Structure formats: structure tokens, C-alpha cells
Amino acid sequence: MRKGPNVKKELLRAAVALTWLAAGTPVGAAQVTVSDAWFRALPASLPAGGYFTLHNNGTAVQLTAAQSPACGTLMLHRSTRTGGMDSMMMVGSVIVPAGGTIAFSPGGYHLMCTSPKSAMTPGGQVPVTFRFSDGTTTTARFDVRNASGR
């Protein structure tokens, strides 16, 4: 066995590795993936809508926030229709069920990008980082489409 300060470092590394192995696969947002991600960019600096699907292969978790350098502010929103009236409101979080999916699509849950930056140009891509209730994050690339969604 070697002696000196390197032995302590090696023992510490081994202890950390064993702790990770004993803990198993992380649960929660580490198991959440993003697909079909895109923004609808509108002209004249109008807000852009973001759409995507979350797939959760872990335990239930809540999506609590999203951010992108392409947006002045990025909020979780939901559109609803009640009594023939359409409305849209900001939501604080959205549950992503264990083993399930949730779609953010036109007419339902979506991202609202206010003050879009120059990166929000049809044909491009912008990153979005999602934050979950368990403290984890995941980042996805969103295609930017024009006002007709193409």
C-alpha cells in the first residue's frame, strides 16, 4: 500500500464512488426527457410560444421554471376555454407524472417568451433550460419556426 497524501485522496474517491453506486440511478427530473421542442416566432417582437413534450421515466416531479437566453422572460402558461371565452394564465408549476408524458401544445400548456432576442429567428435553434421540483435541470434545443408553425 502506498503512503502519503495520495492515499487519502484515493480513499475519498473510492468512498464517493461507492456512495454513488449504493444510491442507484437518480430519480425525478434526471429521468425526464424533452422531445418535439419548437417555438412559434411572431413578428415585431411579439411574444413567442414554446411547445414540447416531456417524457418521465422516473418518479412524479413538477416542472417549476424554464429559462432561455433567447427570451427576456420565459414563463409557464396555460390556455383554457371556458363558456366560449379563451383565456391564458401563468402557472407556477406543472406535474409530470411518473412513467407518463405531458404535452405543451397550442391551446394548452405552453411557454411564453416575452421580449424575444435576435436568436428567436425562424430556421434557428435556441436552448431552454427546465428546472424541476427536485432541484435538477435539463436543457433542450428548440427549433424556431415562423408564425404558421413551419
C-alpha atoms as a PDB file:
ATOM      1  CA  MET A   1       0.000   0.000   0.000  1.00  0.00           C
ATOM      2  CA  ARG A   2       1.299   3.428  -0.898  1.00  0.00           C
ATOM      3  CA  LYS A   3       1.756   6.025   1.774  1.00  0.00           C
ATOM      4  CA  GLY A   4       1.379   9.774   1.728  1.00  0.00           C
ATOM      5  CA  PRO A   5      -1.297  12.305   0.786  1.00  0.00           C
ATOM      6  CA  ASN A   6      -2.350  10.431  -2.402  1.00  0.00           C
ATOM      7  CA  VAL A   7      -3.713   7.526  -0.343  1.00  0.00           C
ATOM      8  CA  LYS A   8      -6.217   9.830   1.362  1.00  0.00           C
ATOM      9  CA  LYS A   9      -7.366  11.197  -1.989  1.00  0.00           C
ATOM     10  CA  GLU A  10      -7.761   7.700  -3.434  1.00  0.00           C
ATOM     11  CA  LEU A  11      -9.759   6.551  -0.386  1.00  0.00           C
ATOM     12  CA  LEU A  12     -12.006   9.605  -0.655  1.00  0.00           C
ATOM     13  CA  ARG A  13     -12.591   8.963  -4.372  1.00  0.00           C
ATOM     14  CA  ALA A  14     -13.438   5.313  -3.652  1.00  0.00           C
ATOM     15  CA  ALA A  15     -15.879   6.327  -0.898  1.00  0.00           C
ATOM     16  CA  VAL A  16     -17.617   8.792  -3.217  1.00  0.00           C
ATOM     17  CA  ALA A  17     -17.849   6.167  -5.990  1.00  0.00           C
ATOM     18  CA  LEU A  18     -19.343   3.615  -3.598  1.00  0.00           C
ATOM     19  CA  THR A  19     -21.868   6.171  -2.363  1.00  0.00           C
ATOM     20  CA  TRP A  20     -22.987   6.837  -5.960  1.00  0.00           C
ATOM     21  CA  LEU A  21     -23.262   3.113  -6.661  1.00  0.00           C
ATOM     22  CA  ALA A  22     -25.241   2.470  -3.467  1.00  0.00           C
ATOM     23  CA  ALA A  23     -27.632   5.325  -4.268  1.00  0.00           C
ATOM     24  CA  GLY A  24     -28.519   3.786  -7.634  1.00  0.00           C
ATOM     25  CA  THR A  25     -29.943   5.764 -10.524  1.00  0.00           C
ATOM     26  CA  PRO A  26     -31.121   9.252  -9.586  1.00  0.00           C
ATOM     27  CA  VAL A  27     -34.899   9.740  -9.686  1.00  0.00           C
ATOM     28  CA  GLY A  28     -37.005  12.710 -10.697  1.00  0.00           C
ATOM     29  CA  ALA A  29     -36.074  15.120 -13.436  1.00  0.00           C
ATOM     30  CA  ALA A  30     -32.881  13.218 -14.248  1.00  0.00           C
ATOM     31  CA  GLN A  31     -35.332  10.789 -15.852  1.00  0.00           C
ATOM     32  CA  VAL A  32     -37.274  13.494 -17.742  1.00  0.00           C
ATOM     33  CA  THR A  33     -36.535  13.941 -21.431  1.00  0.00           C
ATOM     34  CA  VAL A  34     -37.763  16.555 -23.905  1.00  0.00           C
ATOM     35  CA  SER A  35     -38.956  15.905 -27.465  1.00  0.00           C
ATOM     36  CA  ASP A  36     -40.658  17.791 -30.308  1.00  0.00           C
ATOM     37  CA  ALA A  37     -39.392  21.143 -28.992  1.00  0.00           C
ATOM     38  CA  TRP A  38     -40.122  24.281 -31.009  1.00  0.00           C
ATOM     39  CA  PHE A  39     -41.010  27.965 -30.715  1.00  0.00           C
ATOM     40  CA  ARG A  40     -43.506  29.886 -32.822  1.00  0.00           C
ATOM     41  CA  ALA A  41     -41.766  33.193 -33.519  1.00  0.00           C
ATOM     42  CA  LEU A  42     -44.053  36.136 -34.258  1.00  0.00           C
ATOM     43  CA  PRO A  43     -43.126  39.402 -35.986  1.00  0.00           C
ATOM     44  CA  ALA A  44     -42.496  42.786 -34.368  1.00  0.00           C
ATOM     45  CA  SER A  45     -41.107  41.470 -31.071  1.00  0.00           C
ATOM     46  CA  LEU A  46     -44.442  39.863 -30.140  1.00  0.00           C
ATOM     47  CA  PRO A  47     -44.181  37.042 -27.578  1.00  0.00           C
ATOM     48  CA  ALA A  48     -43.151  33.635 -28.898  1.00  0.00           C
ATOM     49  CA  GLY A  49     -44.914  30.431 -27.822  1.00  0.00           C
ATOM     50  CA  GLY A  50     -42.883  27.330 -26.935  1.00  0.00           C
ATOM     51  CA  TYR A  51     -44.165  23.792 -27.412  1.00  0.00           C
ATOM     52  CA  PHE A  52     -42.679  20.395 -26.500  1.00  0.00           C
ATOM     53  CA  THR A  53     -43.385  17.068 -24.812  1.00  0.00           C
ATOM     54  CA  LEU A  54     -41.898  15.890 -21.515  1.00  0.00           C
ATOM     55  CA  HIS A  55     -41.399  12.147 -21.023  1.00  0.00           C
ATOM     56  CA  ASN A  56     -40.868  10.998 -17.422  1.00  0.00           C
ATOM     57  CA  ASN A  57     -39.237   7.609 -16.832  1.00  0.00           C
ATOM     58  CA  GLY A  58     -38.820   8.284 -13.104  1.00  0.00           C
ATOM     59  CA  THR A  59     -40.978   9.309 -10.184  1.00  0.00           C
ATOM     60  CA  ALA A  60     -43.505  12.148 -10.387  1.00  0.00           C
ATOM     61  CA  VAL A  61     -41.879  15.574 -10.422  1.00  0.00           C
ATOM     62  CA  GLN A  62     -43.032  19.139 -11.040  1.00  0.00           C
ATOM     63  CA  LEU A  63     -41.714  21.413 -13.764  1.00  0.00           C
ATOM     64  CA  THR A  64     -41.238  24.668 -11.863  1.00  0.00           C
ATOM     65  CA  ALA A  65     -39.431  27.002 -14.272  1.00  0.00           C
ATOM     66  CA  ALA A  66     -37.861  27.459 -17.687  1.00  0.00           C
ATOM     67  CA  GLN A  67     -35.310  29.957 -18.949  1.00  0.00           C
ATOM     68  CA  SER A  68     -33.611  30.792 -22.213  1.00  0.00           C
ATOM     69  CA  PRO A  69     -31.073  33.412 -23.268  1.00  0.00           C
ATOM     70  CA  ALA A  70     -33.327  33.950 -26.310  1.00  0.00           C
ATOM     71  CA  CYS A  71     -36.111  35.397 -24.125  1.00  0.00           C
ATOM     72  CA  GLY A  72     -36.327  38.414 -21.881  1.00  0.00           C
ATOM     73  CA  THR A  73     -38.670  36.354 -19.670  1.00  0.00           C
ATOM     74  CA  LEU A  74     -39.805  32.765 -20.134  1.00  0.00           C
ATOM     75  CA  MET A  75     -42.944  31.671 -18.269  1.00  0.00           C
ATOM     76  CA  LEU A  76     -45.055  28.543 -17.931  1.00  0.00           C
ATOM     77  CA  HIS A  77     -48.544  29.339 -19.260  1.00  0.00           C
ATOM     78  CA  ARG A  78     -51.830  27.569 -19.856  1.00  0.00           C
ATOM     79  CA  SER A  79     -54.575  28.457 -22.313  1.00  0.00           C
ATOM     80  CA  THR A  80     -58.126  27.425 -21.466  1.00  0.00           C
ATOM     81  CA  ARG A  81     -61.594  27.845 -22.930  1.00  0.00           C
ATOM     82  CA  THR A  82     -64.492  28.266 -20.515  1.00  0.00           C
ATOM     83  CA  GLY A  83     -68.015  29.201 -21.562  1.00  0.00           C
ATOM     84  CA  GLY A  84     -66.846  30.163 -25.042  1.00  0.00           C
ATOM     85  CA  MET A  85     -64.173  32.509 -23.651  1.00  0.00           C
ATOM     86  CA  ASP A  86     -60.474  31.889 -24.234  1.00  0.00           C
ATOM     87  CA  SER A  87     -58.043  32.853 -21.509  1.00  0.00           C
ATOM     88  CA  MET A  88     -54.371  32.432 -20.781  1.00  0.00           C
ATOM     89  CA  MET A  89     -52.691  32.474 -17.401  1.00  0.00           C
ATOM     90  CA  MET A  90     -49.271  31.937 -15.927  1.00  0.00           C
ATOM     91  CA  VAL A  91     -48.878  28.752 -13.869  1.00  0.00           C
ATOM     92  CA  GLY A  92     -46.353  28.163 -11.095  1.00  0.00           C
ATOM     93  CA  SER A  93     -45.664  24.512 -11.879  1.00  0.00           C
ATOM     94  CA  VAL A  94     -46.851  21.540 -13.905  1.00  0.00           C
ATOM     95  CA  ILE A  95     -46.832  17.945 -12.641  1.00  0.00           C
ATOM     96  CA  VAL A  96     -45.009  15.467 -14.848  1.00  0.00           C
ATOM     97  CA  PRO A  97     -46.497  12.108 -13.792  1.00  0.00           C
ATOM     98  CA  ALA A  98     -44.328   9.084 -13.018  1.00  0.00           C
ATOM     99  CA  GLY A  99     -43.914   6.997 -16.143  1.00  0.00           C
ATOM    100  CA  GLY A 100     -46.011   9.477 -18.120  1.00  0.00           C
ATOM    101  CA  THR A 101     -45.842  12.297 -20.610  1.00  0.00           C
ATOM    102  CA  ILE A 102     -47.225  15.791 -20.746  1.00  0.00           C
ATOM    103  CA  ALA A 103     -47.540  17.794 -23.932  1.00  0.00           C
ATOM    104  CA  PHE A 104     -47.133  21.560 -24.113  1.00  0.00           C
ATOM    105  CA  SER A 105     -49.063  22.428 -27.268  1.00  0.00           C
ATOM    106  CA  PRO A 106     -51.090  25.254 -28.827  1.00  0.00           C
ATOM    107  CA  GLY A 107     -54.324  25.721 -26.863  1.00  0.00           C
ATOM    108  CA  GLY A 108     -52.967  24.160 -23.653  1.00  0.00           C
ATOM    109  CA  TYR A 109     -49.811  24.379 -21.600  1.00  0.00           C
ATOM    110  CA  HIS A 110     -47.039  26.288 -23.348  1.00  0.00           C
ATOM    111  CA  LEU A 111     -44.018  28.516 -22.755  1.00  0.00           C
ATOM    112  CA  MET A 112     -44.474  32.264 -23.168  1.00  0.00           C
ATOM    113  CA  CYS A 113     -41.303  34.017 -24.311  1.00  0.00           C
ATOM    114  CA  THR A 114     -41.621  37.765 -23.825  1.00  0.00           C
ATOM    115  CA  SER A 115     -39.125  40.202 -25.299  1.00  0.00           C
ATOM    116  CA  PRO A 116     -37.621  37.623 -27.678  1.00  0.00           C
ATOM    117  CA  LYS A 117     -33.993  38.287 -28.608  1.00  0.00           C
ATOM    118  CA  SER A 118     -32.494  38.188 -32.100  1.00  0.00           C
ATOM    119  CA  ALA A 119     -31.780  34.445 -31.713  1.00  0.00           C
ATOM    120  CA  MET A 120     -35.551  33.843 -31.967  1.00  0.00           C
ATOM    121  CA  THR A 121     -35.362  33.747 -35.760  1.00  0.00           C
ATOM    122  CA  PRO A 122     -37.210  31.153 -37.861  1.00  0.00           C
ATOM    123  CA  GLY A 123     -34.816  28.477 -39.056  1.00  0.00           C
ATOM    124  CA  GLY A 124     -32.616  28.739 -35.988  1.00  0.00           C
ATOM    125  CA  GLN A 125     -32.425  26.943 -32.672  1.00  0.00           C
ATOM    126  CA  VAL A 126     -32.403  28.242 -29.106  1.00  0.00           C
ATOM    127  CA  PRO A 127     -31.648  26.486 -25.798  1.00  0.00           C
ATOM    128  CA  VAL A 128     -34.194  26.184 -22.992  1.00  0.00           C
ATOM    129  CA  THR A 129     -33.267  25.001 -19.509  1.00  0.00           C
ATOM    130  CA  PHE A 130     -36.014  23.412 -17.430  1.00  0.00           C
ATOM    131  CA  ARG A 131     -35.938  23.332 -13.614  1.00  0.00           C
ATOM    132  CA  PHE A 132     -37.773  20.694 -11.603  1.00  0.00           C
ATOM    133  CA  SER A 133     -39.037  20.476  -8.028  1.00  0.00           C
ATOM    134  CA  ASP A 134     -36.279  18.055  -7.045  1.00  0.00           C
ATOM    135  CA  GLY A 135     -33.645  20.678  -7.931  1.00  0.00           C
ATOM    136  CA  THR A 136     -32.480  19.059 -11.157  1.00  0.00           C
ATOM    137  CA  THR A 137     -32.369  20.735 -14.549  1.00  0.00           C
ATOM    138  CA  THR A 138     -32.317  19.619 -18.153  1.00  0.00           C
ATOM    139  CA  THR A 139     -31.596  21.649 -21.276  1.00  0.00           C
ATOM    140  CA  ALA A 140     -33.116  21.124 -24.719  1.00  0.00           C
ATOM    141  CA  ARG A 141     -32.654  22.780 -28.113  1.00  0.00           C
ATOM    142  CA  PHE A 142     -35.830  24.282 -29.570  1.00  0.00           C
ATOM    143  CA  ASP A 143     -36.286  24.773 -33.317  1.00  0.00           C
ATOM    144  CA  VAL A 144     -37.597  28.230 -34.162  1.00  0.00           C
ATOM    145  CA  ARG A 145     -40.464  28.238 -36.651  1.00  0.00           C
ATOM    146  CA  ASN A 146     -42.420  31.043 -38.288  1.00  0.00           C
ATOM    147  CA  ALA A 147     -45.913  32.276 -37.329  1.00  0.00           C
ATOM    148  CA  SER A 148     -47.582  29.414 -39.234  1.00  0.00           C
ATOM    149  CA  GLY A 149     -45.508  26.836 -37.342  1.00  0.00           C
ATOM    150  CA  ARG A 150     -43.235  25.935 -40.266  1.00  0.00           C
END
